[in-house]
Amino acid sequence: MNFTKNIGDLRTFQQTWPVRLSCGKDGTFNVVAVYSTATDEAADILKNWYFAANEPALRTVKIYIPDKNVGSDVYAGEFVMESLDIPASSGEAGPIQLTAVLRPSGEFTLSTNAT
């Protein structure tokens, strides 16, 4: 997960140092999944999201860190998929790792898991 803020600089003739103002937040969530042919695994969900979704293709995403137990951090929001990379190479014998970039649409929240 990568969180960013839009920052602007403000200066007046009386100030030596700039004043910085924050005017918005954004973020991205990078997902790496191993490609498999099994149904309902991460790669299958990501492929279906990209290829079968109607625009704007919003999906609810919740991330529990470190796990889903009481007291864990819960990041949640509605997301769109910005990109899906499937680096398939005929000469590679190792597992294929898909990479998806998800971007929030609207508020991305942080809470504590209570149940």
N, C-alpha and C. Protein backbone atom coordinates (compact mmCIF):
# COMPACT_ATOMS: atom_id res chain seq x y z
N MET A 1 0.85 -1.17 0.00
CA MET A 1 0.00 0.00 0.00
C MET A 1 0.89 1.23 0.00
N ASN A 2 0.51 2.21 -0.76
CA ASN A 2 1.26 3.45 -0.84
C ASN A 2 0.27 4.60 -0.68
N PHE A 3 0.48 5.43 0.33
CA PHE A 3 -0.40 6.56 0.59
C PHE A 3 0.30 7.86 0.24
N THR A 4 -0.40 8.76 -0.43
CA THR A 4 0.17 10.05 -0.81
C THR A 4 -0.77 11.19 -0.41
N LYS A 5 -0.20 12.38 -0.30
CA LYS A 5 -0.97 13.60 -0.06
C LYS A 5 -0.56 14.64 -1.10
N ASN A 6 -1.52 15.41 -1.55
CA ASN A 6 -1.22 16.54 -2.43
C ASN A 6 -0.79 17.71 -1.56
N ILE A 7 0.41 18.17 -1.79
CA ILE A 7 0.98 19.25 -0.98
C ILE A 7 1.26 20.46 -1.89
N GLY A 8 0.88 21.62 -1.41
CA GLY A 8 1.16 22.86 -2.14
C GLY A 8 1.99 23.80 -1.27
N ASP A 9 2.87 24.56 -1.90
CA ASP A 9 3.71 25.53 -1.19
C ASP A 9 3.08 26.92 -1.25
N LEU A 10 3.22 27.65 -0.17
CA LEU A 10 2.72 29.02 -0.08
C LEU A 10 3.84 29.89 0.46
N ARG A 11 4.08 31.02 -0.20
CA ARG A 11 5.09 31.98 0.26
C ARG A 11 4.52 33.39 0.17
N THR A 12 4.90 34.18 1.14
CA THR A 12 4.63 35.61 1.07
C THR A 12 5.98 36.33 1.16
N PHE A 13 5.98 37.60 0.87
CA PHE A 13 7.24 38.35 0.91
C PHE A 13 7.79 38.48 2.32
N GLN A 14 6.96 38.32 3.34
CA GLN A 14 7.41 38.45 4.72
C GLN A 14 8.01 37.15 5.26
N GLN A 15 7.85 36.03 4.55
CA GLN A 15 8.29 34.73 5.08
C GLN A 15 9.55 34.24 4.36
N THR A 16 10.51 33.77 5.14
CA THR A 16 11.71 33.18 4.58
C THR A 16 11.46 31.73 4.18
N TRP A 17 10.67 31.05 4.97
CA TRP A 17 10.40 29.63 4.74
C TRP A 17 9.00 29.44 4.18
N PRO A 18 8.82 28.44 3.30
CA PRO A 18 7.49 28.21 2.74
C PRO A 18 6.55 27.58 3.76
N VAL A 19 5.28 27.84 3.59
CA VAL A 19 4.22 27.17 4.35
C VAL A 19 3.63 26.13 3.41
N ARG A 20 3.45 24.93 3.91
CA ARG A 20 2.91 23.86 3.07
C ARG A 20 1.50 23.52 3.51
N LEU A 21 0.64 23.37 2.52
CA LEU A 21 -0.75 23.04 2.76
C LEU A 21 -1.07 21.69 2.13
N SER A 22 -1.85 20.90 2.84
CA SER A 22 -2.29 19.61 2.31
C SER A 22 -3.71 19.78 1.79
N CYS A 23 -3.94 19.33 0.56
CA CYS A 23 -5.26 19.56 -0.03
C CYS A 23 -5.91 18.29 -0.58
N GLY A 24 -5.43 17.13 -0.23
CA GLY A 24 -6.06 15.90 -0.69
C GLY A 24 -5.19 14.69 -0.44
N LYS A 25 -5.83 13.52 -0.41
CA LYS A 25 -5.12 12.27 -0.18
C LYS A 25 -5.39 11.32 -1.33
N ASP A 26 -4.48 10.38 -1.54
CA ASP A 26 -4.65 9.35 -2.56
C ASP A 26 -3.84 8.14 -2.13
N GLY A 27 -3.96 7.09 -2.87
CA GLY A 27 -3.20 5.90 -2.55
C GLY A 27 -3.27 4.86 -3.65
N THR A 28 -2.42 3.87 -3.56
CA THR A 28 -2.45 2.74 -4.47
C THR A 28 -2.22 1.48 -3.66
N PHE A 29 -2.71 0.37 -4.17
CA PHE A 29 -2.53 -0.92 -3.54
C PHE A 29 -2.02 -1.86 -4.62
N ASN A 30 -0.80 -2.37 -4.45
CA ASN A 30 -0.20 -3.27 -5.42
C ASN A 30 -0.39 -4.71 -4.95
N VAL A 31 -1.00 -5.53 -5.78
CA VAL A 31 -1.28 -6.92 -5.45
C VAL A 31 -0.41 -7.81 -6.32
N VAL A 32 0.24 -8.78 -5.70
CA VAL A 32 1.00 -9.79 -6.44
C VAL A 32 0.38 -11.14 -6.11
N ALA A 33 -0.01 -11.89 -7.14
CA ALA A 33 -0.64 -13.19 -6.96
C ALA A 33 0.00 -14.20 -7.89
N VAL A 34 0.04 -15.45 -7.46
CA VAL A 34 0.58 -16.52 -8.28
C VAL A 34 -0.54 -17.04 -9.18
N TYR A 35 -0.23 -17.13 -10.47
CA TYR A 35 -1.19 -17.60 -11.46
C TYR A 35 -1.45 -19.08 -11.23
N SER A 36 -2.71 -19.46 -11.20
CA SER A 36 -3.09 -20.87 -11.12
C SER A 36 -4.37 -21.06 -11.91
N THR A 37 -4.75 -22.31 -12.10
CA THR A 37 -6.00 -22.60 -12.83
C THR A 37 -7.15 -22.87 -11.88
N ALA A 38 -6.91 -22.76 -10.57
CA ALA A 38 -7.96 -23.00 -9.59
C ALA A 38 -8.96 -21.84 -9.58
N THR A 39 -10.20 -22.18 -9.28
CA THR A 39 -11.27 -21.18 -9.22
C THR A 39 -11.21 -20.44 -7.89
N ASP A 40 -11.53 -19.16 -7.92
CA ASP A 40 -11.66 -18.30 -6.74
C ASP A 40 -10.37 -18.07 -5.98
N GLU A 41 -9.22 -18.30 -6.60
CA GLU A 41 -7.97 -17.87 -6.01
C GLU A 41 -7.71 -16.44 -6.49
N ALA A 42 -6.68 -15.81 -5.94
CA ALA A 42 -6.43 -14.39 -6.21
C ALA A 42 -6.32 -14.09 -7.70
N ALA A 43 -5.57 -14.92 -8.44
CA ALA A 43 -5.38 -14.65 -9.87
C ALA A 43 -6.72 -14.72 -10.62
N ASP A 44 -7.55 -15.69 -10.28
CA ASP A 44 -8.85 -15.84 -10.92
C ASP A 44 -9.74 -14.63 -10.63
N ILE A 45 -9.74 -14.18 -9.40
CA ILE A 45 -10.55 -13.02 -9.01
C ILE A 45 -10.08 -11.77 -9.75
N LEU A 46 -8.77 -11.56 -9.83
CA LEU A 46 -8.24 -10.39 -10.51
C LEU A 46 -8.54 -10.43 -12.01
N LYS A 47 -8.37 -11.58 -12.65
CA LYS A 47 -8.68 -11.70 -14.09
C LYS A 47 -10.15 -11.43 -14.36
N ASN A 48 -11.03 -12.01 -13.54
CA ASN A 48 -12.47 -11.78 -13.72
C ASN A 48 -12.83 -10.32 -13.50
N TRP A 49 -12.20 -9.70 -12.53
CA TRP A 49 -12.46 -8.28 -12.26
C TRP A 49 -12.11 -7.46 -13.50
N TYR A 50 -10.94 -7.70 -14.06
CA TYR A 50 -10.49 -6.91 -15.21
C TYR A 50 -11.33 -7.18 -16.46
N PHE A 51 -11.55 -8.44 -16.80
CA PHE A 51 -12.17 -8.78 -18.07
C PHE A 51 -13.69 -8.80 -18.06
N ALA A 52 -14.32 -9.05 -16.91
CA ALA A 52 -15.77 -9.20 -16.89
C ALA A 52 -16.50 -7.99 -16.33
N ALA A 53 -15.80 -7.05 -15.78
CA ALA A 53 -16.43 -5.94 -15.08
C ALA A 53 -16.91 -4.86 -16.05
N ASN A 54 -18.06 -4.30 -15.73
CA ASN A 54 -18.53 -3.10 -16.44
C ASN A 54 -17.94 -1.90 -15.74
N GLU A 55 -17.68 -0.84 -16.49
CA GLU A 55 -17.09 0.35 -15.89
C GLU A 55 -18.11 1.04 -15.00
N PRO A 56 -17.76 1.66 -13.90
CA PRO A 56 -16.40 1.91 -13.44
C PRO A 56 -15.77 0.74 -12.69
N ALA A 57 -16.45 -0.41 -12.59
CA ALA A 57 -15.85 -1.63 -12.04
C ALA A 57 -15.33 -1.46 -10.62
N LEU A 58 -16.11 -0.85 -9.77
CA LEU A 58 -15.72 -0.68 -8.37
C LEU A 58 -15.89 -2.00 -7.61
N ARG A 59 -14.93 -2.30 -6.76
CA ARG A 59 -14.99 -3.47 -5.90
C ARG A 59 -14.58 -3.04 -4.49
N THR A 60 -15.22 -3.64 -3.50
CA THR A 60 -14.85 -3.38 -2.11
C THR A 60 -13.63 -4.23 -1.77
N VAL A 61 -12.60 -3.58 -1.22
CA VAL A 61 -11.37 -4.27 -0.82
C VAL A 61 -11.14 -3.99 0.65
N LYS A 62 -10.88 -5.07 1.43
CA LYS A 62 -10.51 -4.95 2.84
C LYS A 62 -9.20 -5.68 3.04
N ILE A 63 -8.29 -5.02 3.75
CA ILE A 63 -6.98 -5.59 4.02
C ILE A 63 -6.82 -5.62 5.55
N TYR A 64 -6.55 -6.80 6.08
CA TYR A 64 -6.35 -6.98 7.51
C TYR A 64 -4.87 -7.19 7.77
N ILE A 65 -4.28 -6.35 8.64
CA ILE A 65 -2.86 -6.48 8.97
C ILE A 65 -2.72 -6.53 10.48
N PRO A 66 -2.06 -7.52 11.07
CA PRO A 66 -1.33 -8.60 10.44
C PRO A 66 -2.22 -9.79 10.06
N ASP A 67 -3.44 -9.87 10.62
CA ASP A 67 -4.35 -10.97 10.32
C ASP A 67 -5.77 -10.48 10.62
N LYS A 68 -6.74 -11.38 10.65
CA LYS A 68 -8.13 -10.97 10.84
C LYS A 68 -8.58 -11.04 12.30
N ASN A 69 -7.64 -11.16 13.22
CA ASN A 69 -7.98 -11.23 14.65
C ASN A 69 -8.33 -9.86 15.20
N VAL A 70 -8.97 -9.85 16.37
CA VAL A 70 -9.32 -8.62 17.06
C VAL A 70 -8.06 -7.80 17.32
N GLY A 71 -8.13 -6.51 17.05
CA GLY A 71 -7.01 -5.60 17.25
C GLY A 71 -6.20 -5.33 15.99
N SER A 72 -6.44 -6.08 14.92
CA SER A 72 -5.70 -5.86 13.68
C SER A 72 -6.17 -4.60 12.98
N ASP A 73 -5.29 -4.00 12.20
CA ASP A 73 -5.66 -2.86 11.37
C ASP A 73 -6.51 -3.35 10.21
N VAL A 74 -7.53 -2.56 9.86
CA VAL A 74 -8.39 -2.88 8.72
C VAL A 74 -8.40 -1.67 7.79
N TYR A 75 -7.85 -1.86 6.60
CA TYR A 75 -7.87 -0.83 5.56
C TYR A 75 -9.00 -1.22 4.61
N ALA A 76 -9.88 -0.28 4.26
CA ALA A 76 -11.03 -0.64 3.42
C ALA A 76 -11.41 0.52 2.52
N GLY A 77 -11.99 0.15 1.39
CA GLY A 77 -12.48 1.16 0.46
C GLY A 77 -13.01 0.53 -0.80
N GLU A 78 -13.54 1.37 -1.66
CA GLU A 78 -13.98 0.95 -2.99
C GLU A 78 -12.83 1.22 -3.95
N PHE A 79 -12.49 0.24 -4.77
CA PHE A 79 -11.32 0.34 -5.63
C PHE A 79 -11.66 0.08 -7.09
N VAL A 80 -10.86 0.66 -7.97
CA VAL A 80 -10.86 0.33 -9.39
C VAL A 80 -9.49 -0.26 -9.70
N MET A 81 -9.46 -1.14 -10.71
CA MET A 81 -8.19 -1.72 -11.12
C MET A 81 -7.57 -0.83 -12.18
N GLU A 82 -6.38 -0.32 -11.90
CA GLU A 82 -5.68 0.53 -12.85
C GLU A 82 -4.93 -0.30 -13.89
N SER A 83 -4.34 -1.40 -13.46
CA SER A 83 -3.60 -2.25 -14.42
C SER A 83 -3.53 -3.68 -13.90
N LEU A 84 -3.35 -4.60 -14.84
CA LEU A 84 -3.16 -6.01 -14.55
C LEU A 84 -2.05 -6.51 -15.46
N ASP A 85 -0.95 -6.96 -14.86
CA ASP A 85 0.21 -7.42 -15.62
C ASP A 85 0.35 -8.93 -15.45
N ILE A 86 0.32 -9.66 -16.57
CA ILE A 86 0.51 -11.12 -16.56
C ILE A 86 1.74 -11.40 -17.42
N PRO A 87 2.92 -11.51 -16.81
CA PRO A 87 4.15 -11.67 -17.58
C PRO A 87 4.37 -13.12 -18.03
N ALA A 88 3.58 -13.58 -18.99
CA ALA A 88 3.68 -14.95 -19.47
C ALA A 88 4.81 -15.06 -20.49
N SER A 89 5.73 -15.99 -20.24
CA SER A 89 6.85 -16.22 -21.13
C SER A 89 6.96 -17.72 -21.40
N SER A 90 7.01 -18.11 -22.66
CA SER A 90 7.06 -19.53 -22.99
C SER A 90 8.35 -20.21 -22.54
N GLY A 91 9.40 -19.45 -22.34
CA GLY A 91 10.68 -20.02 -21.93
C GLY A 91 10.89 -20.07 -20.43
N GLU A 92 9.93 -19.66 -19.65
CA GLU A 92 10.08 -19.60 -18.20
C GLU A 92 9.35 -20.78 -17.56
N ALA A 93 10.07 -21.55 -16.74
CA ALA A 93 9.48 -22.72 -16.11
C ALA A 93 8.91 -22.42 -14.72
N GLY A 94 9.24 -21.28 -14.16
CA GLY A 94 8.79 -20.94 -12.82
C GLY A 94 7.34 -20.49 -12.80
N PRO A 95 6.80 -20.26 -11.60
CA PRO A 95 5.43 -19.79 -11.48
C PRO A 95 5.28 -18.39 -12.06
N ILE A 96 4.08 -18.11 -12.56
CA ILE A 96 3.77 -16.80 -13.13
C ILE A 96 3.16 -15.94 -12.02
N GLN A 97 3.71 -14.76 -11.82
CA GLN A 97 3.17 -13.84 -10.83
C GLN A 97 2.43 -12.71 -11.54
N LEU A 98 1.14 -12.59 -11.25
CA LEU A 98 0.37 -11.46 -11.75
C LEU A 98 0.59 -10.28 -10.83
N THR A 99 0.57 -9.08 -11.38
CA THR A 99 0.64 -7.87 -10.58
C THR A 99 -0.52 -6.96 -10.98
N ALA A 100 -1.29 -6.54 -10.00
CA ALA A 100 -2.40 -5.62 -10.25
C ALA A 100 -2.20 -4.37 -9.42
N VAL A 101 -2.56 -3.22 -10.00
CA VAL A 101 -2.51 -1.96 -9.27
C VAL A 101 -3.96 -1.51 -9.07
N LEU A 102 -4.33 -1.34 -7.81
CA LEU A 102 -5.68 -0.91 -7.45
C LEU A 102 -5.62 0.51 -6.91
N ARG A 103 -6.61 1.32 -7.29
CA ARG A 103 -6.68 2.71 -6.83
C ARG A 103 -8.04 2.94 -6.18
N PRO A 104 -8.05 3.61 -5.02
CA PRO A 104 -9.32 3.85 -4.35
C PRO A 104 -10.17 4.87 -5.10
N SER A 105 -11.48 4.68 -5.03
CA SER A 105 -12.45 5.64 -5.56
C SER A 105 -13.26 6.13 -4.37
N GLY A 106 -12.95 7.31 -3.93
CA GLY A 106 -13.56 7.82 -2.70
C GLY A 106 -12.64 7.56 -1.52
N GLU A 107 -13.21 7.54 -0.34
CA GLU A 107 -12.43 7.45 0.89
C GLU A 107 -11.85 6.06 1.09
N PHE A 108 -10.61 6.02 1.55
CA PHE A 108 -9.90 4.80 1.93
C PHE A 108 -9.71 4.90 3.44
N THR A 109 -10.30 3.97 4.22
CA THR A 109 -10.35 4.13 5.67
C THR A 109 -9.41 3.18 6.40
N LEU A 110 -9.06 3.56 7.62
CA LEU A 110 -8.30 2.73 8.54
C LEU A 110 -9.11 2.61 9.82
N SER A 111 -9.32 1.36 10.26
CA SER A 111 -10.01 1.12 11.54
C SER A 111 -9.34 -0.06 12.23
N THR A 112 -9.83 -0.40 13.42
CA THR A 112 -9.32 -1.54 14.18
C THR A 112 -10.37 -2.63 14.18
N ASN A 113 -9.98 -3.85 13.86
CA ASN A 113 -10.90 -4.98 13.84
C ASN A 113 -11.40 -5.27 15.26
N ALA A 114 -12.70 -5.22 15.45
CA ALA A 114 -13.27 -5.39 16.79
C ALA A 114 -13.99 -6.72 16.96
N THR A 115 -14.14 -7.50 15.90
CA THR A 115 -14.86 -8.77 16.04
C THR A 115 -14.06 -9.93 15.51
